[in-house]
Amino acid sequence: SETEELFKNPIHPYTQALLSAVPEPDPEIKKLRKRIILRGEPPSPINPPPGCRFHPRCPYAMDICKREEPPMIEVKTGHRVWCWLHVRK
């Protein structure tokens, strides 16, 4: 996605966690931000887990995340995400 769109509307849980770790110097804005703390260790890039590679640390992981890689979903023109949370049923 475009940089501005990515920062304004992070869709994937990993992107949300990553952006929540960016320091915010303004104390008023900092109070409003939700910091996402990821639990566990990052998976091995040499021997990744089955399914979504982020599922071991994802706070929203579902059973399907552990079994199958998510498909690419275009949530807006030019803004794509690979995440089972955004698959329309």
PDB file of N, CA and C in Angstrom:
ATOM      1  N   SER A   1       0.838  -1.191   0.000  1.00  0.00           N
ATOM      2  CA  SER A   1       0.000   0.000   0.000  1.00  0.00           C
ATOM      3  C   SER A   1       0.873   1.241   0.000  1.00  0.00           C
ATOM      4  N   GLU A   2       0.260   2.357  -0.274  1.00  0.00           N
ATOM      5  CA  GLU A   2       0.972   3.624  -0.215  1.00  0.00           C
ATOM      6  C   GLU A   2       1.392   3.878   1.231  1.00  0.00           C
ATOM      7  N   THR A   3       2.507   4.543   1.411  1.00  0.00           N
ATOM      8  CA  THR A   3       3.056   4.772   2.751  1.00  0.00           C
ATOM      9  C   THR A   3       2.065   5.468   3.670  1.00  0.00           C
ATOM     10  N   GLU A   4       1.451   6.537   3.199  1.00  0.00           N
ATOM     11  CA  GLU A   4       0.510   7.281   4.042  1.00  0.00           C
ATOM     12  C   GLU A   4      -0.666   6.404   4.464  1.00  0.00           C
ATOM     13  N   GLU A   5      -1.198   5.628   3.536  1.00  0.00           N
ATOM     14  CA  GLU A   5      -2.316   4.729   3.842  1.00  0.00           C
ATOM     15  C   GLU A   5      -1.892   3.678   4.863  1.00  0.00           C
ATOM     16  N   LEU A   6      -0.695   3.145   4.703  1.00  0.00           N
ATOM     17  CA  LEU A   6      -0.191   2.128   5.629  1.00  0.00           C
ATOM     18  C   LEU A   6      -0.117   2.670   7.050  1.00  0.00           C
ATOM     19  N   PHE A   7       0.391   3.883   7.212  1.00  0.00           N
ATOM     20  CA  PHE A   7       0.507   4.470   8.543  1.00  0.00           C
ATOM     21  C   PHE A   7      -0.846   4.878   9.120  1.00  0.00           C
ATOM     22  N   LYS A   8      -1.749   5.349   8.280  1.00  0.00           N
ATOM     23  CA  LYS A   8      -3.063   5.774   8.750  1.00  0.00           C
ATOM     24  C   LYS A   8      -3.974   4.595   9.067  1.00  0.00           C
ATOM     25  N   ASN A   9      -3.809   3.498   8.337  1.00  0.00           N
ATOM     26  CA  ASN A   9      -4.729   2.378   8.457  1.00  0.00           C
ATOM     27  C   ASN A   9      -3.988   1.045   8.367  1.00  0.00           C
ATOM     28  N   PRO A  10      -3.163   0.725   9.370  1.00  0.00           N
ATOM     29  CA  PRO A  10      -2.474  -0.571   9.321  1.00  0.00           C
ATOM     30  C   PRO A  10      -3.491  -1.701   9.519  1.00  0.00           C
ATOM     31  N   ILE A  11      -3.486  -2.664   8.621  1.00  0.00           N
ATOM     32  CA  ILE A  11      -4.520  -3.702   8.649  1.00  0.00           C
ATOM     33  C   ILE A  11      -4.030  -5.015   9.249  1.00  0.00           C
ATOM     34  N   HIS A  12      -2.832  -5.443   8.871  1.00  0.00           N
ATOM     35  CA  HIS A  12      -2.319  -6.714   9.374  1.00  0.00           C
ATOM     36  C   HIS A  12      -1.890  -6.550  10.831  1.00  0.00           C
ATOM     37  N   PRO A  13      -2.170  -7.541  11.680  1.00  0.00           N
ATOM     38  CA  PRO A  13      -1.779  -7.442  13.087  1.00  0.00           C
ATOM     39  C   PRO A  13      -0.275  -7.183  13.294  1.00  0.00           C
ATOM     40  N   TYR A  14       0.580  -7.731  12.432  1.00  0.00           N
ATOM     41  CA  TYR A  14       2.017  -7.480  12.572  1.00  0.00           C
ATOM     42  C   TYR A  14       2.328  -6.012  12.310  1.00  0.00           C
ATOM     43  N   THR A  15       1.720  -5.441  11.277  1.00  0.00           N
ATOM     44  CA  THR A  15       1.933  -4.026  10.967  1.00  0.00           C
ATOM     45  C   THR A  15       1.427  -3.153  12.105  1.00  0.00           C
ATOM     46  N   GLN A  16       0.292  -3.498  12.675  1.00  0.00           N
ATOM     47  CA  GLN A  16      -0.245  -2.749  13.809  1.00  0.00           C
ATOM     48  C   GLN A  16       0.735  -2.775  14.985  1.00  0.00           C
ATOM     49  N   ALA A  17       1.282  -3.954  15.280  1.00  0.00           N
ATOM     50  CA  ALA A  17       2.235  -4.075  16.384  1.00  0.00           C
ATOM     51  C   ALA A  17       3.512  -3.297  16.097  1.00  0.00           C
ATOM     52  N   LEU A  18       3.992  -3.412  14.884  1.00  0.00           N
ATOM     53  CA  LEU A  18       5.219  -2.716  14.499  1.00  0.00           C
ATOM     54  C   LEU A  18       5.052  -1.200  14.640  1.00  0.00           C
ATOM     55  N   LEU A  19       3.967  -0.672  14.120  1.00  0.00           N
ATOM     56  CA  LEU A  19       3.746   0.772  14.193  1.00  0.00           C
ATOM     57  C   LEU A  19       3.456   1.245  15.614  1.00  0.00           C
ATOM     58  N   SER A  20       2.901   0.394  16.444  1.00  0.00           N
ATOM     59  CA  SER A  20       2.639   0.788  17.831  1.00  0.00           C
ATOM     60  C   SER A  20       3.935   0.934  18.624  1.00  0.00           C
ATOM     61  N   ALA A  21       5.025   0.379  18.111  1.00  0.00           N
ATOM     62  CA  ALA A  21       6.322   0.464  18.789  1.00  0.00           C
ATOM     63  C   ALA A  21       7.105   1.720  18.421  1.00  0.00           C
ATOM     64  N   VAL A  22       6.625   2.466  17.433  1.00  0.00           N
ATOM     65  CA  VAL A  22       7.310   3.697  17.027  1.00  0.00           C
ATOM     66  C   VAL A  22       7.129   4.729  18.134  1.00  0.00           C
ATOM     67  N   PRO A  23       8.217   5.311  18.624  1.00  0.00           N
ATOM     68  CA  PRO A  23       8.094   6.301  19.706  1.00  0.00           C
ATOM     69  C   PRO A  23       7.262   7.513  19.290  1.00  0.00           C
ATOM     70  N   GLU A  24       6.469   8.012  20.214  1.00  0.00           N
ATOM     71  CA  GLU A  24       5.635   9.209  19.977  1.00  0.00           C
ATOM     72  C   GLU A  24       6.073  10.288  20.969  1.00  0.00           C
ATOM     73  N   PRO A  25       6.660  11.367  20.469  1.00  0.00           N
ATOM     74  CA  PRO A  25       7.153  12.406  21.380  1.00  0.00           C
ATOM     75  C   PRO A  25       6.051  13.267  22.013  1.00  0.00           C
ATOM     76  N   ASP A  26       4.891  13.363  21.373  1.00  0.00           N
ATOM     77  CA  ASP A  26       3.810  14.191  21.911  1.00  0.00           C
ATOM     78  C   ASP A  26       3.083  13.416  23.013  1.00  0.00           C
ATOM     79  N   PRO A  27       3.153  13.883  24.277  1.00  0.00           N
ATOM     80  CA  PRO A  27       2.529  13.126  25.381  1.00  0.00           C
ATOM     81  C   PRO A  27       1.011  12.999  25.253  1.00  0.00           C
ATOM     82  N   GLU A  28       0.359  13.970  24.618  1.00  0.00           N
ATOM     83  CA  GLU A  28      -1.099  13.901  24.459  1.00  0.00           C
ATOM     84  C   GLU A  28      -1.484  12.797  23.473  1.00  0.00           C
ATOM     85  N   ILE A  29      -0.742  12.690  22.393  1.00  0.00           N
ATOM     86  CA  ILE A  29      -1.005  11.622  21.415  1.00  0.00           C
ATOM     87  C   ILE A  29      -0.597  10.277  22.000  1.00  0.00           C
ATOM     88  N   LYS A  30       0.512  10.263  22.724  1.00  0.00           N
ATOM     89  CA  LYS A  30       1.018   9.018  23.319  1.00  0.00           C
ATOM     90  C   LYS A  30      -0.025   8.398  24.259  1.00  0.00           C
ATOM     91  N   LYS A  31      -0.755   9.228  25.011  1.00  0.00           N
ATOM     92  CA  LYS A  31      -1.783   8.724  25.921  1.00  0.00           C
ATOM     93  C   LYS A  31      -2.903   8.008  25.181  1.00  0.00           C
ATOM     94  N   LEU A  32      -3.166   8.435  23.937  1.00  0.00           N
ATOM     95  CA  LEU A  32      -4.272   7.874  23.160  1.00  0.00           C
ATOM     96  C   LEU A  32      -3.899   6.605  22.405  1.00  0.00           C
ATOM     97  N   ARG A  33      -2.612   6.374  22.240  1.00  0.00           N
ATOM     98  CA  ARG A  33      -2.166   5.213  21.455  1.00  0.00           C
ATOM     99  C   ARG A  33      -2.198   3.937  22.263  1.00  0.00           C
ATOM    100  N   LYS A  34      -2.571   2.877  21.599  1.00  0.00           N
ATOM    101  CA  LYS A  34      -2.559   1.552  22.222  1.00  0.00           C
ATOM    102  C   LYS A  34      -1.281   0.845  21.805  1.00  0.00           C
ATOM    103  N   ARG A  35      -0.466   0.466  22.760  1.00  0.00           N
ATOM    104  CA  ARG A  35       0.766  -0.254  22.481  1.00  0.00           C
ATOM    105  C   ARG A  35       0.460  -1.745  22.431  1.00  0.00           C
ATOM    106  N   ILE A  36       0.896  -2.403  21.377  1.00  0.00           N
ATOM    107  CA  ILE A  36       0.672  -3.841  21.214  1.00  0.00           C
ATOM    108  C   ILE A  36       1.967  -4.560  21.558  1.00  0.00           C
ATOM    109  N   ILE A  37       1.906  -5.408  22.557  1.00  0.00           N
ATOM    110  CA  ILE A  37       3.070  -6.185  22.982  1.00  0.00           C
ATOM    111  C   ILE A  37       2.924  -7.599  22.438  1.00  0.00           C
ATOM    112  N   LEU A  38       3.878  -8.008  21.629  1.00  0.00           N
ATOM    113  CA  LEU A  38       3.848  -9.367  21.070  1.00  0.00           C
ATOM    114  C   LEU A  38       4.493 -10.329  22.059  1.00  0.00           C
ATOM    115  N   ARG A  39       3.860 -11.433  22.269  1.00  0.00           N
ATOM    116  CA  ARG A  39       4.367 -12.467  23.186  1.00  0.00           C
ATOM    117  C   ARG A  39       5.104 -13.532  22.384  1.00  0.00           C
ATOM    118  N   GLY A  40       6.011 -14.225  23.036  1.00  0.00           N
ATOM    119  CA  GLY A  40       6.711 -15.332  22.395  1.00  0.00           C
ATOM    120  C   GLY A  40       7.884 -14.884  21.553  1.00  0.00           C
ATOM    121  N   GLU A  41       8.508 -15.850  20.936  1.00  0.00           N
ATOM    122  CA  GLU A  41       9.685 -15.615  20.107  1.00  0.00           C
ATOM    123  C   GLU A  41       9.304 -15.591  18.629  1.00  0.00           C
ATOM    124  N   PRO A  42       9.990 -14.804  17.830  1.00  0.00           N
ATOM    125  CA  PRO A  42       9.733 -14.839  16.386  1.00  0.00           C
ATOM    126  C   PRO A  42      10.033 -16.231  15.827  1.00  0.00           C
ATOM    127  N   PRO A  43       9.250 -16.700  14.871  1.00  0.00           N
ATOM    128  CA  PRO A  43       9.506 -18.027  14.299  1.00  0.00           C
ATOM    129  C   PRO A  43      10.791 -18.036  13.476  1.00  0.00           C
ATOM    130  N   SER A  44      11.327 -19.200  13.300  1.00  0.00           N
ATOM    131  CA  SER A  44      12.547 -19.374  12.515  1.00  0.00           C
ATOM    132  C   SER A  44      12.279 -19.079  11.043  1.00  0.00           C
ATOM    133  N   PRO A  45      13.090 -18.227  10.417  1.00  0.00           N
ATOM    134  CA  PRO A  45      12.917 -17.998   8.981  1.00  0.00           C
ATOM    135  C   PRO A  45      13.375 -19.203   8.159  1.00  0.00           C
ATOM    136  N   ILE A  46      14.201 -20.050   8.760  1.00  0.00           N
ATOM    137  CA  ILE A  46      14.684 -21.249   8.073  1.00  0.00           C
ATOM    138  C   ILE A  46      13.642 -22.361   8.122  1.00  0.00           C
ATOM    139  N   ASN A  47      12.950 -22.461   9.243  1.00  0.00           N
ATOM    140  CA  ASN A  47      11.933 -23.492   9.430  1.00  0.00           C
ATOM    141  C   ASN A  47      10.653 -22.831   9.940  1.00  0.00           C
ATOM    142  N   PRO A  48       9.958 -22.090   9.065  1.00  0.00           N
ATOM    143  CA  PRO A  48       8.771 -21.367   9.527  1.00  0.00           C
ATOM    144  C   PRO A  48       7.633 -22.316   9.886  1.00  0.00           C
ATOM    145  N   PRO A  49       6.725 -21.855  10.729  1.00  0.00           N
ATOM    146  CA  PRO A  49       5.584 -22.704  11.096  1.00  0.00           C
ATOM    147  C   PRO A  49       4.631 -22.847   9.914  1.00  0.00           C
ATOM    148  N   PRO A  50       3.783 -23.868   9.941  1.00  0.00           N
ATOM    149  CA  PRO A  50       2.777 -23.986   8.880  1.00  0.00           C
ATOM    150  C   PRO A  50       1.755 -22.871   9.011  1.00  0.00           C
ATOM    151  N   GLY A  51       1.032 -22.623   7.944  1.00  0.00           N
ATOM    152  CA  GLY A  51       0.001 -21.594   7.973  1.00  0.00           C
ATOM    153  C   GLY A  51       0.607 -20.198   7.911  1.00  0.00           C
ATOM    154  N   CYS A  52      -0.043 -19.271   8.553  1.00  0.00           N
ATOM    155  CA  CYS A  52       0.454 -17.897   8.594  1.00  0.00           C
ATOM    156  C   CYS A  52       1.721 -17.862   9.444  1.00  0.00           C
ATOM    157  N   ARG A  53       2.759 -17.253   8.939  1.00  0.00           N
ATOM    158  CA  ARG A  53       4.027 -17.213   9.671  1.00  0.00           C
ATOM    159  C   ARG A  53       3.952 -16.386  10.941  1.00  0.00           C
ATOM    160  N   PHE A  54       2.962 -15.526  11.043  1.00  0.00           N
ATOM    161  CA  PHE A  54       2.828 -14.668  12.214  1.00  0.00           C
ATOM    162  C   PHE A  54       1.947 -15.293  13.303  1.00  0.00           C
ATOM    163  N   HIS A  55       1.266 -16.394  13.015  1.00  0.00           N
ATOM    164  CA  HIS A  55       0.274 -16.918  13.967  1.00  0.00           C
ATOM    165  C   HIS A  55       0.818 -17.229  15.361  1.00  0.00           C
ATOM    166  N   PRO A  56       2.074 -17.672  15.537  1.00  0.00           N
ATOM    167  CA  PRO A  56       2.518 -17.950  16.909  1.00  0.00           C
ATOM    168  C   PRO A  56       2.533 -16.708  17.817  1.00  0.00           C
ATOM    169  N   ARG A  57       2.608 -15.523  17.232  1.00  0.00           N
ATOM    170  CA  ARG A  57       2.676 -14.294  18.030  1.00  0.00           C
ATOM    171  C   ARG A  57       1.464 -13.395  17.844  1.00  0.00           C
ATOM    172  N   CYS A  58       0.545 -13.791  17.012  1.00  0.00           N
ATOM    173  CA  CYS A  58      -0.611 -12.950  16.682  1.00  0.00           C
ATOM    174  C   CYS A  58      -1.664 -13.012  17.788  1.00  0.00           C
ATOM    175  N   PRO A  59      -2.096 -11.858  18.287  1.00  0.00           N
ATOM    176  CA  PRO A  59      -3.138 -11.877  19.318  1.00  0.00           C
ATOM    177  C   PRO A  59      -4.508 -12.282  18.790  1.00  0.00           C
ATOM    178  N   TYR A  60      -4.681 -12.336  17.474  1.00  0.00           N
ATOM    179  CA  TYR A  60      -5.971 -12.680  16.868  1.00  0.00           C
ATOM    180  C   TYR A  60      -5.952 -14.040  16.164  1.00  0.00           C
ATOM    181  N   ALA A  61      -4.920 -14.837  16.363  1.00  0.00           N
ATOM    182  CA  ALA A  61      -4.779 -16.102  15.635  1.00  0.00           C
ATOM    183  C   ALA A  61      -5.975 -17.023  15.855  1.00  0.00           C
ATOM    184  N   MET A  62      -6.405 -17.629  14.753  1.00  0.00           N
ATOM    185  CA  MET A  62      -7.510 -18.592  14.761  1.00  0.00           C
ATOM    186  C   MET A  62      -6.936 -19.942  14.328  1.00  0.00           C
ATOM    187  N   ASP A  63      -7.734 -20.987  14.451  1.00  0.00           N
ATOM    188  CA  ASP A  63      -7.253 -22.318  14.069  1.00  0.00           C
ATOM    189  C   ASP A  63      -6.772 -22.363  12.624  1.00  0.00           C
ATOM    190  N   ILE A  64      -7.494 -21.713  11.711  1.00  0.00           N
ATOM    191  CA  ILE A  64      -7.111 -21.755  10.298  1.00  0.00           C
ATOM    192  C   ILE A  64      -5.736 -21.126  10.072  1.00  0.00           C
ATOM    193  N   CYS A  65      -5.384 -20.162  10.898  1.00  0.00           N
ATOM    194  CA  CYS A  65      -4.073 -19.494  10.773  1.00  0.00           C
ATOM    195  C   CYS A  65      -2.932 -20.489  10.985  1.00  0.00           C
ATOM    196  N   LYS A  66      -3.184 -21.484  11.813  1.00  0.00           N
ATOM    197  CA  LYS A  66      -2.158 -22.486  12.121  1.00  0.00           C
ATOM    198  C   LYS A  66      -2.023 -23.537  11.027  1.00  0.00           C
ATOM    199  N   ARG A  67      -3.054 -23.656  10.178  1.00  0.00           N
ATOM    200  CA  ARG A  67      -3.076 -24.711   9.169  1.00  0.00           C
ATOM    201  C   ARG A  67      -2.783 -24.230   7.753  1.00  0.00           C
ATOM    202  N   GLU A  68      -3.309 -23.058   7.395  1.00  0.00           N
ATOM    203  CA  GLU A  68      -3.233 -22.614   6.004  1.00  0.00           C
ATOM    204  C   GLU A  68      -2.674 -21.202   5.886  1.00  0.00           C
ATOM    205  N   GLU A  69      -1.860 -21.003   4.849  1.00  0.00           N
ATOM    206  CA  GLU A  69      -1.388 -19.647   4.567  1.00  0.00           C
ATOM    207  C   GLU A  69      -2.574 -18.816   4.118  1.00  0.00           C
ATOM    208  N   PRO A  70      -2.677 -17.582   4.596  1.00  0.00           N
ATOM    209  CA  PRO A  70      -3.804 -16.755   4.174  1.00  0.00           C
ATOM    210  C   PRO A  70      -3.656 -16.286   2.736  1.00  0.00           C
ATOM    211  N   PRO A  71      -4.779 -16.073   2.065  1.00  0.00           N
ATOM    212  CA  PRO A  71      -4.728 -15.542   0.700  1.00  0.00           C
ATOM    213  C   PRO A  71      -4.496 -14.030   0.734  1.00  0.00           C
ATOM    214  N   MET A  72      -4.100 -13.481  -0.397  1.00  0.00           N
ATOM    215  CA  MET A  72      -3.950 -12.039  -0.511  1.00  0.00           C
ATOM    216  C   MET A  72      -5.333 -11.422  -0.667  1.00  0.00           C
ATOM    217  N   ILE A  73      -5.621 -10.422   0.149  1.00  0.00           N
ATOM    218  CA  ILE A  73      -6.898  -9.720   0.106  1.00  0.00           C
ATOM    219  C   ILE A  73      -6.603  -8.258  -0.203  1.00  0.00           C
ATOM    220  N   GLU A  74      -7.279  -7.707  -1.198  1.00  0.00           N
ATOM    221  CA  GLU A  74      -7.139  -6.280  -1.476  1.00  0.00           C
ATOM    222  C   GLU A  74      -8.269  -5.572  -0.732  1.00  0.00           C
ATOM    223  N   VAL A  75      -7.922  -4.900   0.373  1.00  0.00           N
ATOM    224  CA  VAL A  75      -8.925  -4.246   1.205  1.00  0.00           C
ATOM    225  C   VAL A  75      -9.322  -2.882   0.658  1.00  0.00           C
ATOM    226  N   LYS A  76      -8.426  -2.262  -0.077  1.00  0.00           N
ATOM    227  CA  LYS A  76      -8.662  -1.011  -0.792  1.00  0.00           C
ATOM    228  C   LYS A  76      -7.783  -1.079  -2.024  1.00  0.00           C
ATOM    229  N   THR A  77      -8.042  -0.256  -2.992  1.00  0.00           N
ATOM    230  CA  THR A  77      -7.204  -0.253  -4.182  1.00  0.00           C
ATOM    231  C   THR A  77      -5.765   0.007  -3.776  1.00  0.00           C
ATOM    232  N   GLY A  78      -4.890  -0.937  -4.076  1.00  0.00           N
ATOM    233  CA  GLY A  78      -3.477  -0.807  -3.760  1.00  0.00           C
ATOM    234  C   GLY A  78      -3.102  -1.139  -2.328  1.00  0.00           C
ATOM    235  N   HIS A  79      -4.067  -1.500  -1.476  1.00  0.00           N
ATOM    236  CA  HIS A  79      -3.770  -1.857  -0.079  1.00  0.00           C
ATOM    237  C   HIS A  79      -4.151  -3.318   0.123  1.00  0.00           C
ATOM    238  N   ARG A  80      -3.124  -4.156   0.165  1.00  0.00           N
ATOM    239  CA  ARG A  80      -3.319  -5.602   0.264  1.00  0.00           C
ATOM    240  C   ARG A  80      -2.839  -6.120   1.617  1.00  0.00           C
ATOM    241  N   VAL A  81      -3.447  -7.215   2.028  1.00  0.00           N
ATOM    242  CA  VAL A  81      -3.069  -7.852   3.286  1.00  0.00           C
ATOM    243  C   VAL A  81      -3.204  -9.360   3.099  1.00  0.00           C
ATOM    244  N   TRP A  82      -2.322 -10.096   3.725  1.00  0.00           N
ATOM    245  CA  TRP A  82      -2.397 -11.556   3.745  1.00  0.00           C
ATOM    246  C   TRP A  82      -2.774 -11.929   5.173  1.00  0.00           C
ATOM    247  N   CYS A  83      -4.073 -12.045   5.436  1.00  0.00           N
ATOM    248  CA  CYS A  83      -4.526 -12.297   6.805  1.00  0.00           C
ATOM    249  C   CYS A  83      -5.931 -12.886   6.778  1.00  0.00           C
ATOM    250  N   TRP A  84      -6.126 -13.967   7.536  1.00  0.00           N
ATOM    251  CA  TRP A  84      -7.431 -14.624   7.590  1.00  0.00           C
ATOM    252  C   TRP A  84      -8.494 -13.737   8.232  1.00  0.00           C
ATOM    253  N   LEU A  85      -8.110 -12.771   9.032  1.00  0.00           N
ATOM    254  CA  LEU A  85      -9.093 -11.878   9.654  1.00  0.00           C
ATOM    255  C   LEU A  85      -9.899 -11.092   8.628  1.00  0.00           C
ATOM    256  N   HIS A  86      -9.341 -10.917   7.447  1.00  0.00           N
ATOM    257  CA  HIS A  86      -9.971 -10.061   6.453  1.00  0.00           C
ATOM    258  C   HIS A  86     -10.595 -10.825   5.294  1.00  0.00           C
ATOM    259  N   VAL A  87     -10.690 -12.143   5.419  1.00  0.00           N
ATOM    260  CA  VAL A  87     -11.352 -12.957   4.393  1.00  0.00           C
ATOM    261  C   VAL A  87     -12.850 -12.901   4.641  1.00  0.00           C
ATOM    262  N   ARG A  88     -13.579 -12.447   3.648  1.00  0.00           N
ATOM    263  CA  ARG A  88     -15.043 -12.354   3.762  1.00  0.00           C
ATOM    264  C   ARG A  88     -15.657 -13.731   3.547  1.00  0.00           C
ATOM    265  N   LYS A  89     -16.580 -14.073   4.407  1.00  0.00           N
ATOM    266  CA  LYS A  89     -17.215 -15.391   4.293  1.00  0.00           C
ATOM    267  C   LYS A  89     -18.625 -15.251   3.797  1.00  0.00           C
TER     268      LYS A  89
END
